[in-house]
Amino acid sequence: MSKPIRVQGIDVNVQLVFLPEHVELLRPQLEKVGLATNTIDEMIDAYVASGEKVPYERFVLEYGQAVLNPLMNKKLNRPADHPTFNKMLLFVLKDIIESNPIVLEFRKFKLKP
């Protein structure tokens, strides 16, 4: 069995906790940045068109990093490689990350001398 490959540019804690139902948490944030309200719908359509060869959660993170991040950066007049999408994910998932038992165990493990 091969190891899952991380989505480059996305925090590992986000990747551990991200679930399909979290997609709706992104919609208001994308609207605040000035992206169209149908941005999430376009992403879902792209997933279906992809033949659904990867898990939905992974597709959302990859699509967000590759497509949404540059759009957000352009709207915000930021450098193209600024981690806006990753920071948005960390913001909307903060409580979920902070209460996730796996993340909490990893943090304990990291703190051991």
PDB file of N, CA and C in Angstrom:
ATOM      1  N   MET A   1       0.848  -1.183   0.000  1.00  0.00           N
ATOM      2  CA  MET A   1       0.000   0.000   0.000  1.00  0.00           C
ATOM      3  C   MET A   1       0.887   1.238   0.000  1.00  0.00           C
ATOM      4  N   SER A   2       0.632   2.141  -0.901  1.00  0.00           N
ATOM      5  CA  SER A   2       1.443   3.344  -0.987  1.00  0.00           C
ATOM      6  C   SER A   2       0.973   4.383   0.023  1.00  0.00           C
ATOM      7  N   LYS A   3       1.922   5.203   0.462  1.00  0.00           N
ATOM      8  CA  LYS A   3       1.593   6.265   1.414  1.00  0.00           C
ATOM      9  C   LYS A   3       0.858   7.385   0.681  1.00  0.00           C
ATOM     10  N   PRO A   4      -0.108   8.018   1.370  1.00  0.00           N
ATOM     11  CA  PRO A   4      -0.765   9.165   0.735  1.00  0.00           C
ATOM     12  C   PRO A   4       0.229  10.303   0.575  1.00  0.00           C
ATOM     13  N   ILE A   5       0.100  11.002  -0.491  1.00  0.00           N
ATOM     14  CA  ILE A   5       0.981  12.127  -0.775  1.00  0.00           C
ATOM     15  C   ILE A   5       0.307  13.392  -0.272  1.00  0.00           C
ATOM     16  N   ARG A   6       1.077  14.209   0.444  1.00  0.00           N
ATOM     17  CA  ARG A   6       0.541  15.471   0.945  1.00  0.00           C
ATOM     18  C   ARG A   6       0.240  16.424  -0.196  1.00  0.00           C
ATOM     19  N   VAL A   7      -0.733  17.282   0.034  1.00  0.00           N
ATOM     20  CA  VAL A   7      -1.034  18.347  -0.911  1.00  0.00           C
ATOM     21  C   VAL A   7      -0.089  19.490  -0.570  1.00  0.00           C
ATOM     22  N   GLN A   8       0.815  19.769  -1.494  1.00  0.00           N
ATOM     23  CA  GLN A   8       1.826  20.794  -1.254  1.00  0.00           C
ATOM     24  C   GLN A   8       1.173  22.153  -1.020  1.00  0.00           C
ATOM     25  N   GLY A   9       1.643  22.827   0.033  1.00  0.00           N
ATOM     26  CA  GLY A   9       1.136  24.154   0.348  1.00  0.00           C
ATOM     27  C   GLY A   9      -0.023  24.167   1.322  1.00  0.00           C
ATOM     28  N   ILE A  10      -0.531  22.975   1.681  1.00  0.00           N
ATOM     29  CA  ILE A  10      -1.647  22.892   2.614  1.00  0.00           C
ATOM     30  C   ILE A  10      -1.136  22.302   3.924  1.00  0.00           C
ATOM     31  N   ASP A  11      -1.418  22.975   5.018  1.00  0.00           N
ATOM     32  CA  ASP A  11      -0.985  22.560   6.343  1.00  0.00           C
ATOM     33  C   ASP A  11      -1.410  21.110   6.621  1.00  0.00           C
ATOM     34  N   VAL A  12      -0.521  20.354   7.230  1.00  0.00           N
ATOM     35  CA  VAL A  12      -0.793  18.949   7.507  1.00  0.00           C
ATOM     36  C   VAL A  12      -1.990  18.780   8.441  1.00  0.00           C
ATOM     37  N   ASN A  13      -2.189  19.688   9.379  1.00  0.00           N
ATOM     38  CA  ASN A  13      -3.351  19.600  10.271  1.00  0.00           C
ATOM     39  C   ASN A  13      -4.656  19.751   9.508  1.00  0.00           C
ATOM     40  N   VAL A  14      -4.668  20.626   8.533  1.00  0.00           N
ATOM     41  CA  VAL A  14      -5.853  20.789   7.685  1.00  0.00           C
ATOM     42  C   VAL A  14      -6.115  19.481   6.950  1.00  0.00           C
ATOM     43  N   GLN A  15      -5.057  18.889   6.417  1.00  0.00           N
ATOM     44  CA  GLN A  15      -5.225  17.649   5.660  1.00  0.00           C
ATOM     45  C   GLN A  15      -5.740  16.507   6.540  1.00  0.00           C
ATOM     46  N   LEU A  16      -5.377  16.521   7.813  1.00  0.00           N
ATOM     47  CA  LEU A  16      -5.839  15.483   8.736  1.00  0.00           C
ATOM     48  C   LEU A  16      -7.321  15.606   9.063  1.00  0.00           C
ATOM     49  N   VAL A  17      -7.839  16.816   9.153  1.00  0.00           N
ATOM     50  CA  VAL A  17      -9.218  17.003   9.630  1.00  0.00           C
ATOM     51  C   VAL A  17     -10.227  17.318   8.532  1.00  0.00           C
ATOM     52  N   PHE A  18      -9.773  17.678   7.338  1.00  0.00           N
ATOM     53  CA  PHE A  18     -10.688  18.171   6.302  1.00  0.00           C
ATOM     54  C   PHE A  18     -11.668  17.090   5.857  1.00  0.00           C
ATOM     55  N   LEU A  19     -12.953  17.435   5.876  1.00  0.00           N
ATOM     56  CA  LEU A  19     -14.034  16.539   5.470  1.00  0.00           C
ATOM     57  C   LEU A  19     -14.913  17.232   4.435  1.00  0.00           C
ATOM     58  N   PRO A  20     -15.694  16.466   3.672  1.00  0.00           N
ATOM     59  CA  PRO A  20     -16.552  17.091   2.647  1.00  0.00           C
ATOM     60  C   PRO A  20     -17.470  18.184   3.185  1.00  0.00           C
ATOM     61  N   GLU A  21     -17.987  18.005   4.399  1.00  0.00           N
ATOM     62  CA  GLU A  21     -18.910  19.006   4.939  1.00  0.00           C
ATOM     63  C   GLU A  21     -18.230  20.331   5.249  1.00  0.00           C
ATOM     64  N   HIS A  22     -16.916  20.347   5.289  1.00  0.00           N
ATOM     65  CA  HIS A  22     -16.189  21.591   5.544  1.00  0.00           C
ATOM     66  C   HIS A  22     -16.147  22.515   4.330  1.00  0.00           C
ATOM     67  N   VAL A  23     -16.492  21.994   3.173  1.00  0.00           N
ATOM     68  CA  VAL A  23     -16.481  22.817   1.952  1.00  0.00           C
ATOM     69  C   VAL A  23     -17.399  24.022   2.108  1.00  0.00           C
ATOM     70  N   GLU A  24     -18.543  23.823   2.741  1.00  0.00           N
ATOM     71  CA  GLU A  24     -19.488  24.935   2.908  1.00  0.00           C
ATOM     72  C   GLU A  24     -18.937  26.040   3.799  1.00  0.00           C
ATOM     73  N   LEU A  25     -17.967  25.728   4.646  1.00  0.00           N
ATOM     74  CA  LEU A  25     -17.342  26.760   5.476  1.00  0.00           C
ATOM     75  C   LEU A  25     -16.505  27.721   4.626  1.00  0.00           C
ATOM     76  N   LEU A  26     -16.126  27.268   3.446  1.00  0.00           N
ATOM     77  CA  LEU A  26     -15.290  28.091   2.570  1.00  0.00           C
ATOM     78  C   LEU A  26     -16.088  29.150   1.822  1.00  0.00           C
ATOM     79  N   ARG A  27     -17.336  28.837   1.522  1.00  0.00           N
ATOM     80  CA  ARG A  27     -18.159  29.732   0.687  1.00  0.00           C
ATOM     81  C   ARG A  27     -18.190  31.175   1.205  1.00  0.00           C
ATOM     82  N   PRO A  28     -18.519  31.434   2.478  1.00  0.00           N
ATOM     83  CA  PRO A  28     -18.563  32.831   2.937  1.00  0.00           C
ATOM     84  C   PRO A  28     -17.204  33.524   2.856  1.00  0.00           C
ATOM     85  N   GLN A  29     -16.139  32.769   3.090  1.00  0.00           N
ATOM     86  CA  GLN A  29     -14.802  33.362   3.030  1.00  0.00           C
ATOM     87  C   GLN A  29     -14.427  33.740   1.602  1.00  0.00           C
ATOM     88  N   LEU A  30     -14.780  32.886   0.658  1.00  0.00           N
ATOM     89  CA  LEU A  30     -14.508  33.199  -0.749  1.00  0.00           C
ATOM     90  C   LEU A  30     -15.303  34.420  -1.194  1.00  0.00           C
ATOM     91  N   GLU A  31     -16.528  34.525  -0.708  1.00  0.00           N
ATOM     92  CA  GLU A  31     -17.356  35.685  -1.044  1.00  0.00           C
ATOM     93  C   GLU A  31     -16.764  36.967  -0.457  1.00  0.00           C
ATOM     94  N   LYS A  32     -16.201  36.885   0.756  1.00  0.00           N
ATOM     95  CA  LYS A  32     -15.564  38.059   1.365  1.00  0.00           C
ATOM     96  C   LYS A  32     -14.398  38.561   0.522  1.00  0.00           C
ATOM     97  N   VAL A  33     -13.710  37.640  -0.122  1.00  0.00           N
ATOM     98  CA  VAL A  33     -12.567  37.994  -0.965  1.00  0.00           C
ATOM     99  C   VAL A  33     -13.040  38.589  -2.292  1.00  0.00           C
ATOM    100  N   GLY A  34     -14.292  38.331  -2.641  1.00  0.00           N
ATOM    101  CA  GLY A  34     -14.826  38.877  -3.875  1.00  0.00           C
ATOM    102  C   GLY A  34     -14.953  37.861  -4.990  1.00  0.00           C
ATOM    103  N   LEU A  35     -14.816  36.576  -4.656  1.00  0.00           N
ATOM    104  CA  LEU A  35     -15.025  35.548  -5.676  1.00  0.00           C
ATOM    105  C   LEU A  35     -16.517  35.278  -5.804  1.00  0.00           C
ATOM    106  N   ALA A  36     -16.946  34.903  -6.988  1.00  0.00           N
ATOM    107  CA  ALA A  36     -18.360  34.683  -7.276  1.00  0.00           C
ATOM    108  C   ALA A  36     -18.954  33.626  -6.343  1.00  0.00           C
ATOM    109  N   THR A  37     -20.245  33.752  -6.066  1.00  0.00           N
ATOM    110  CA  THR A  37     -20.913  32.823  -5.159  1.00  0.00           C
ATOM    111  C   THR A  37     -20.952  31.404  -5.720  1.00  0.00           C
ATOM    112  N   ASN A  38     -20.773  31.263  -7.014  1.00  0.00           N
ATOM    113  CA  ASN A  38     -20.817  29.929  -7.619  1.00  0.00           C
ATOM    114  C   ASN A  38     -19.436  29.276  -7.709  1.00  0.00           C
ATOM    115  N   THR A  39     -18.429  29.855  -7.064  1.00  0.00           N
ATOM    116  CA  THR A  39     -17.074  29.315  -7.111  1.00  0.00           C
ATOM    117  C   THR A  39     -17.034  27.876  -6.601  1.00  0.00           C
ATOM    118  N   ILE A  40     -17.719  27.598  -5.506  1.00  0.00           N
ATOM    119  CA  ILE A  40     -17.756  26.244  -4.945  1.00  0.00           C
ATOM    120  C   ILE A  40     -18.465  25.305  -5.913  1.00  0.00           C
ATOM    121  N   ASP A  41     -19.542  25.770  -6.545  1.00  0.00           N
ATOM    122  CA  ASP A  41     -20.265  24.940  -7.505  1.00  0.00           C
ATOM    123  C   ASP A  41     -19.374  24.590  -8.698  1.00  0.00           C
ATOM    124  N   GLU A  42     -18.577  25.538  -9.149  1.00  0.00           N
ATOM    125  CA  GLU A  42     -17.641  25.274 -10.248  1.00  0.00           C
ATOM    126  C   GLU A  42     -16.609  24.228  -9.832  1.00  0.00           C
ATOM    127  N   MET A  43     -16.168  24.296  -8.584  1.00  0.00           N
ATOM    128  CA  MET A  43     -15.207  23.325  -8.087  1.00  0.00           C
ATOM    129  C   MET A  43     -15.825  21.928  -8.060  1.00  0.00           C
ATOM    130  N   ILE A  44     -17.054  21.830  -7.612  1.00  0.00           N
ATOM    131  CA  ILE A  44     -17.736  20.536  -7.572  1.00  0.00           C
ATOM    132  C   ILE A  44     -17.926  19.998  -8.988  1.00  0.00           C
ATOM    133  N   ASP A  45     -18.286  20.860  -9.925  1.00  0.00           N
ATOM    134  CA  ASP A  45     -18.422  20.450 -11.320  1.00  0.00           C
ATOM    135  C   ASP A  45     -17.085  19.945 -11.873  1.00  0.00           C
ATOM    136  N   ALA A  46     -15.997  20.610 -11.502  1.00  0.00           N
ATOM    137  CA  ALA A  46     -14.664  20.176 -11.941  1.00  0.00           C
ATOM    138  C   ALA A  46     -14.337  18.810 -11.362  1.00  0.00           C
ATOM    139  N   TYR A  47     -14.759  18.559 -10.141  1.00  0.00           N
ATOM    140  CA  TYR A  47     -14.512  17.252  -9.518  1.00  0.00           C
ATOM    141  C   TYR A  47     -15.253  16.163 -10.277  1.00  0.00           C
ATOM    142  N   VAL A  48     -16.501  16.395 -10.575  1.00  0.00           N
ATOM    143  CA  VAL A  48     -17.290  15.407 -11.319  1.00  0.00           C
ATOM    144  C   VAL A  48     -16.674  15.182 -12.700  1.00  0.00           C
ATOM    145  N   ALA A  49     -16.261  16.275 -13.356  1.00  0.00           N
ATOM    146  CA  ALA A  49     -15.648  16.165 -14.681  1.00  0.00           C
ATOM    147  C   ALA A  49     -14.309  15.427 -14.637  1.00  0.00           C
ATOM    148  N   SER A  50     -13.650  15.419 -13.492  1.00  0.00           N
ATOM    149  CA  SER A  50     -12.347  14.754 -13.372  1.00  0.00           C
ATOM    150  C   SER A  50     -12.478  13.235 -13.370  1.00  0.00           C
ATOM    151  N   GLY A  51     -13.684  12.734 -13.287  1.00  0.00           N
ATOM    152  CA  GLY A  51     -13.887  11.304 -13.221  1.00  0.00           C
ATOM    153  C   GLY A  51     -13.761  10.776 -11.804  1.00  0.00           C
ATOM    154  N   GLU A  52     -13.658  11.690 -10.849  1.00  0.00           N
ATOM    155  CA  GLU A  52     -13.627  11.341  -9.436  1.00  0.00           C
ATOM    156  C   GLU A  52     -12.557  10.285  -9.136  1.00  0.00           C
ATOM    157  N   LYS A  53     -11.340  10.519  -9.642  1.00  0.00           N
ATOM    158  CA  LYS A  53     -10.236   9.565  -9.480  1.00  0.00           C
ATOM    159  C   LYS A  53      -9.509   9.708  -8.152  1.00  0.00           C
ATOM    160  N   VAL A  54      -9.741  10.787  -7.444  1.00  0.00           N
ATOM    161  CA  VAL A  54      -9.144  10.993  -6.123  1.00  0.00           C
ATOM    162  C   VAL A  54     -10.274  11.293  -5.144  1.00  0.00           C
ATOM    163  N   PRO A  55     -10.044  11.069  -3.855  1.00  0.00           N
ATOM    164  CA  PRO A  55     -11.086  11.410  -2.871  1.00  0.00           C
ATOM    165  C   PRO A  55     -11.472  12.890  -2.958  1.00  0.00           C
ATOM    166  N   TYR A  56     -12.728  13.160  -2.707  1.00  0.00           N
ATOM    167  CA  TYR A  56     -13.265  14.513  -2.814  1.00  0.00           C
ATOM    168  C   TYR A  56     -12.482  15.506  -1.959  1.00  0.00           C
ATOM    169  N   GLU A  57     -12.151  15.105  -0.720  1.00  0.00           N
ATOM    170  CA  GLU A  57     -11.433  16.005   0.180  1.00  0.00           C
ATOM    171  C   GLU A  57     -10.093  16.426  -0.433  1.00  0.00           C
ATOM    172  N   ARG A  58      -9.381  15.463  -0.979  1.00  0.00           N
ATOM    173  CA  ARG A  58      -8.078  15.752  -1.593  1.00  0.00           C
ATOM    174  C   ARG A  58      -8.258  16.660  -2.811  1.00  0.00           C
ATOM    175  N   PHE A  59      -9.278  16.375  -3.614  1.00  0.00           N
ATOM    176  CA  PHE A  59      -9.523  17.197  -4.797  1.00  0.00           C
ATOM    177  C   PHE A  59      -9.774  18.646  -4.399  1.00  0.00           C
ATOM    178  N   VAL A  60     -10.577  18.856  -3.365  1.00  0.00           N
ATOM    179  CA  VAL A  60     -10.889  20.214  -2.914  1.00  0.00           C
ATOM    180  C   VAL A  60      -9.611  20.936  -2.514  1.00  0.00           C
ATOM    181  N   LEU A  61      -8.744  20.270  -1.760  1.00  0.00           N
ATOM    182  CA  LEU A  61      -7.495  20.903  -1.326  1.00  0.00           C
ATOM    183  C   LEU A  61      -6.573  21.187  -2.510  1.00  0.00           C
ATOM    184  N   GLU A  62      -6.476  20.242  -3.440  1.00  0.00           N
ATOM    185  CA  GLU A  62      -5.633  20.453  -4.619  1.00  0.00           C
ATOM    186  C   GLU A  62      -6.197  21.564  -5.505  1.00  0.00           C
ATOM    187  N   TYR A  63      -7.501  21.528  -5.738  1.00  0.00           N
ATOM    188  CA  TYR A  63      -8.156  22.546  -6.569  1.00  0.00           C
ATOM    189  C   TYR A  63      -8.022  23.920  -5.918  1.00  0.00           C
ATOM    190  N   GLY A  64      -8.242  23.950  -4.623  1.00  0.00           N
ATOM    191  CA  GLY A  64      -8.121  25.222  -3.906  1.00  0.00           C
ATOM    192  C   GLY A  64      -6.725  25.794  -4.017  1.00  0.00           C
ATOM    193  N   GLN A  65      -5.729  24.931  -3.876  1.00  0.00           N
ATOM    194  CA  GLN A  65      -4.346  25.390  -3.950  1.00  0.00           C
ATOM    195  C   GLN A  65      -3.977  25.822  -5.371  1.00  0.00           C
ATOM    196  N   ALA A  66      -4.399  25.046  -6.353  1.00  0.00           N
ATOM    197  CA  ALA A  66      -4.011  25.319  -7.741  1.00  0.00           C
ATOM    198  C   ALA A  66      -4.861  26.388  -8.426  1.00  0.00           C
ATOM    199  N   VAL A  67      -6.146  26.448  -8.094  1.00  0.00           N
ATOM    200  CA  VAL A  67      -7.063  27.339  -8.816  1.00  0.00           C
ATOM    201  C   VAL A  67      -7.537  28.512  -7.951  1.00  0.00           C
ATOM    202  N   LEU A  68      -8.035  28.206  -6.764  1.00  0.00           N
ATOM    203  CA  LEU A  68      -8.608  29.266  -5.932  1.00  0.00           C
ATOM    204  C   LEU A  68      -7.546  30.186  -5.338  1.00  0.00           C
ATOM    205  N   ASN A  69      -6.416  29.625  -4.916  1.00  0.00           N
ATOM    206  CA  ASN A  69      -5.372  30.454  -4.309  1.00  0.00           C
ATOM    207  C   ASN A  69      -4.909  31.571  -5.253  1.00  0.00           C
ATOM    208  N   PRO A  70      -4.588  31.265  -6.511  1.00  0.00           N
ATOM    209  CA  PRO A  70      -4.188  32.360  -7.411  1.00  0.00           C
ATOM    210  C   PRO A  70      -5.301  33.388  -7.640  1.00  0.00           C
ATOM    211  N   LEU A  71      -6.551  32.923  -7.717  1.00  0.00           N
ATOM    212  CA  LEU A  71      -7.675  33.855  -7.902  1.00  0.00           C
ATOM    213  C   LEU A  71      -7.814  34.778  -6.697  1.00  0.00           C
ATOM    214  N   MET A  72      -7.706  34.201  -5.514  1.00  0.00           N
ATOM    215  CA  MET A  72      -7.808  35.001  -4.298  1.00  0.00           C
ATOM    216  C   MET A  72      -6.659  36.005  -4.222  1.00  0.00           C
ATOM    217  N   ASN A  73      -5.463  35.558  -4.533  1.00  0.00           N
ATOM    218  CA  ASN A  73      -4.303  36.446  -4.477  1.00  0.00           C
ATOM    219  C   ASN A  73      -4.426  37.591  -5.467  1.00  0.00           C
ATOM    220  N   LYS A  74      -4.975  37.293  -6.636  1.00  0.00           N
ATOM    221  CA  LYS A  74      -5.168  38.349  -7.636  1.00  0.00           C
ATOM    222  C   LYS A  74      -6.171  39.385  -7.123  1.00  0.00           C
ATOM    223  N   LYS A  75      -7.272  38.904  -6.554  1.00  0.00           N
ATOM    224  CA  LYS A  75      -8.297  39.815  -6.015  1.00  0.00           C
ATOM    225  C   LYS A  75      -7.740  40.679  -4.879  1.00  0.00           C
ATOM    226  N   LEU A  76      -6.828  40.089  -4.087  1.00  0.00           N
ATOM    227  CA  LEU A  76      -6.288  40.784  -2.925  1.00  0.00           C
ATOM    228  C   LEU A  76      -4.971  41.512  -3.222  1.00  0.00           C
ATOM    229  N   ASN A  77      -4.568  41.492  -4.481  1.00  0.00           N
ATOM    230  CA  ASN A  77      -3.307  42.128  -4.901  1.00  0.00           C
ATOM    231  C   ASN A  77      -2.108  41.616  -4.108  1.00  0.00           C
ATOM    232  N   ARG A  78      -2.055  40.309  -3.961  1.00  0.00           N
ATOM    233  CA  ARG A  78      -0.953  39.665  -3.259  1.00  0.00           C
ATOM    234  C   ARG A  78      -0.076  38.939  -4.274  1.00  0.00           C
ATOM    235  N   PRO A  79       1.152  38.595  -3.869  1.00  0.00           N
ATOM    236  CA  PRO A  79       1.986  37.778  -4.758  1.00  0.00           C
ATOM    237  C   PRO A  79       1.282  36.457  -5.075  1.00  0.00           C
ATOM    238  N   ALA A  80       1.515  35.937  -6.251  1.00  0.00           N
ATOM    239  CA  ALA A  80       0.829  34.726  -6.703  1.00  0.00           C
ATOM    240  C   ALA A  80       1.033  33.534  -5.785  1.00  0.00           C
ATOM    241  N   ASP A  81       2.177  33.464  -5.126  1.00  0.00           N
ATOM    242  CA  ASP A  81       2.463  32.308  -4.286  1.00  0.00           C
ATOM    243  C   ASP A  81       2.117  32.518  -2.807  1.00  0.00           C
ATOM    244  N   HIS A  82       1.440  33.591  -2.475  1.00  0.00           N
ATOM    245  CA  HIS A  82       1.050  33.830  -1.078  1.00  0.00           C
ATOM    246  C   HIS A  82       0.085  32.721  -0.640  1.00  0.00           C
ATOM    247  N   PRO A  83       0.222  32.182   0.574  1.00  0.00           N
ATOM    248  CA  PRO A  83      -0.596  31.039   1.012  1.00  0.00           C
ATOM    249  C   PRO A  83      -2.003  31.416   1.493  1.00  0.00           C
ATOM    250  N   THR A  84      -2.702  32.187   0.727  1.00  0.00           N
ATOM    251  CA  THR A  84      -4.024  32.684   1.126  1.00  0.00           C
ATOM    252  C   THR A  84      -5.015  31.547   1.362  1.00  0.00           C
ATOM    253  N   PHE A  85      -5.081  30.586   0.453  1.00  0.00           N
ATOM    254  CA  PHE A  85      -6.032  29.485   0.595  1.00  0.00           C
ATOM    255  C   PHE A  85      -5.718  28.673   1.851  1.00  0.00           C
ATOM    256  N   ASN A  86      -4.457  28.379   2.076  1.00  0.00           N
ATOM    257  CA  ASN A  86      -4.050  27.628   3.264  1.00  0.00           C
ATOM    258  C   ASN A  86      -4.416  28.391   4.533  1.00  0.00           C
ATOM    259  N   LYS A  87      -4.152  29.681   4.563  1.00  0.00           N
ATOM    260  CA  LYS A  87      -4.474  30.494   5.745  1.00  0.00           C
ATOM    261  C   LYS A  87      -5.989  30.533   5.977  1.00  0.00           C
ATOM    262  N   MET A  88      -6.761  30.588   4.895  1.00  0.00           N
ATOM    263  CA  MET A  88      -8.211  30.586   5.019  1.00  0.00           C
ATOM    264  C   MET A  88      -8.683  29.256   5.624  1.00  0.00           C
ATOM    265  N   LEU A  89      -8.106  28.149   5.162  1.00  0.00           N
ATOM    266  CA  LEU A  89      -8.459  26.843   5.709  1.00  0.00           C
ATOM    267  C   LEU A  89      -8.134  26.765   7.197  1.00  0.00           C
ATOM    268  N   LEU A  90      -6.950  27.233   7.573  1.00  0.00           N
ATOM    269  CA  LEU A  90      -6.571  27.231   8.987  1.00  0.00           C
ATOM    270  C   LEU A  90      -7.537  28.070   9.815  1.00  0.00           C
ATOM    271  N   PHE A  91      -8.005  29.172   9.256  1.00  0.00           N
ATOM    272  CA  PHE A  91      -8.940  30.043   9.958  1.00  0.00           C
ATOM    273  C   PHE A  91     -10.302  29.370  10.153  1.00  0.00           C
ATOM    274  N   VAL A  92     -10.879  28.833   9.080  1.00  0.00           N
ATOM    275  CA  VAL A  92     -12.229  28.266   9.186  1.00  0.00           C
ATOM    276  C   VAL A  92     -12.244  26.935   9.932  1.00  0.00           C
ATOM    277  N   LEU A  93     -11.116  26.246   9.970  1.00  0.00           N
ATOM    278  CA  LEU A  93     -11.047  24.946  10.638  1.00  0.00           C
ATOM    279  C   LEU A  93     -10.369  25.006  12.007  1.00  0.00           C
ATOM    280  N   LYS A  94     -10.101  26.205  12.498  1.00  0.00           N
ATOM    281  CA  LYS A  94      -9.342  26.367  13.747  1.00  0.00           C
ATOM    282  C   LYS A  94      -9.916  25.541  14.895  1.00  0.00           C
ATOM    283  N   ASP A  95     -11.198  25.672  15.173  1.00  0.00           N
ATOM    284  CA  ASP A  95     -11.810  24.938  16.280  1.00  0.00           C
ATOM    285  C   ASP A  95     -11.783  23.431  16.039  1.00  0.00           C
ATOM    286  N   ILE A  96     -11.978  23.027  14.814  1.00  0.00           N
ATOM    287  CA  ILE A  96     -11.967  21.609  14.465  1.00  0.00           C
ATOM    288  C   ILE A  96     -10.560  21.036  14.649  1.00  0.00           C
ATOM    289  N   ILE A  97      -9.559  21.770  14.198  1.00  0.00           N
ATOM    290  CA  ILE A  97      -8.172  21.335  14.352  1.00  0.00           C
ATOM    291  C   ILE A  97      -7.813  21.251  15.830  1.00  0.00           C
ATOM    292  N   GLU A  98      -8.173  22.283  16.583  1.00  0.00           N
ATOM    293  CA  GLU A  98      -7.812  22.342  18.002  1.00  0.00           C
ATOM    294  C   GLU A  98      -8.470  21.253  18.843  1.00  0.00           C
ATOM    295  N   SER A  99      -9.571  20.676  18.381  1.00  0.00           N
ATOM    296  CA  SER A  99     -10.254  19.643  19.153  1.00  0.00           C
ATOM    297  C   SER A  99     -10.090  18.242  18.566  1.00  0.00           C
ATOM    298  N   ASN A 100      -9.352  18.112  17.481  1.00  0.00           N
ATOM    299  CA  ASN A 100      -9.180  16.809  16.846  1.00  0.00           C
ATOM    300  C   ASN A 100      -8.222  15.939  17.658  1.00  0.00           C
ATOM    301  N   PRO A 101      -8.652  14.735  18.040  1.00  0.00           N
ATOM    302  CA  PRO A 101      -7.803  13.885  18.882  1.00  0.00           C
ATOM    303  C   PRO A 101      -6.484  13.472  18.204  1.00  0.00           C
ATOM    304  N   ILE A 102      -6.485  13.284  16.925  1.00  0.00           N
ATOM    305  CA  ILE A 102      -5.245  12.902  16.229  1.00  0.00           C
ATOM    306  C   ILE A 102      -4.245  14.053  16.275  1.00  0.00           C
ATOM    307  N   VAL A 103      -4.714  15.247  15.989  1.00  0.00           N
ATOM    308  CA  VAL A 103      -3.837  16.422  16.036  1.00  0.00           C
ATOM    309  C   VAL A 103      -3.294  16.609  17.450  1.00  0.00           C
ATOM    310  N   LEU A 104      -4.146  16.449  18.440  1.00  0.00           N
ATOM    311  CA  LEU A 104      -3.721  16.609  19.826  1.00  0.00           C
ATOM    312  C   LEU A 104      -2.654  15.577  20.204  1.00  0.00           C
ATOM    313  N   GLU A 105      -2.813  14.352  19.754  1.00  0.00           N
ATOM    314  CA  GLU A 105      -1.806  13.317  20.025  1.00  0.00           C
ATOM    315  C   GLU A 105      -0.487  13.630  19.324  1.00  0.00           C
ATOM    316  N   PHE A 106      -0.554  14.085  18.090  1.00  0.00           N
ATOM    317  CA  PHE A 106       0.674  14.467  17.372  1.00  0.00           C
ATOM    318  C   PHE A 106       1.405  15.588  18.108  1.00  0.00           C
ATOM    319  N   ARG A 107       0.668  16.534  18.627  1.00  0.00           N
ATOM    320  CA  ARG A 107       1.285  17.642  19.351  1.00  0.00           C
ATOM    321  C   ARG A 107       1.969  17.153  20.619  1.00  0.00           C
ATOM    322  N   LYS A 108       1.328  16.228  21.326  1.00  0.00           N
ATOM    323  CA  LYS A 108       1.952  15.654  22.517  1.00  0.00           C
ATOM    324  C   LYS A 108       3.244  14.934  22.157  1.00  0.00           C
ATOM    325  N   PHE A 109       3.202  14.190  21.075  1.00  0.00           N
ATOM    326  CA  PHE A 109       4.368  13.436  20.626  1.00  0.00           C
ATOM    327  C   PHE A 109       5.512  14.376  20.266  1.00  0.00           C
ATOM    328  N   LYS A 110       5.185  15.474  19.582  1.00  0.00           N
ATOM    329  CA  LYS A 110       6.214  16.453  19.186  1.00  0.00           C
ATOM    330  C   LYS A 110       6.852  17.131  20.387  1.00  0.00           C
ATOM    331  N   LEU A 111       6.103  17.279  21.467  1.00  0.00           N
ATOM    332  CA  LEU A 111       6.592  17.989  22.637  1.00  0.00           C
ATOM    333  C   LEU A 111       7.498  17.137  23.518  1.00  0.00           C
ATOM    334  N   LYS A 112       7.469  15.821  23.337  1.00  0.00           N
ATOM    335  CA  LYS A 112       8.302  14.947  24.164  1.00  0.00           C
ATOM    336  C   LYS A 112       9.774  15.177  23.843  1.00  0.00           C
ATOM    337  N   PRO A 113      10.615  15.267  24.912  1.00  0.00           N
ATOM    338  CA  PRO A 113      12.054  15.504  24.678  1.00  0.00           C
ATOM    339  C   PRO A 113      12.759  14.289  24.122  1.00  0.00           C
TER     340      PRO A 113
END
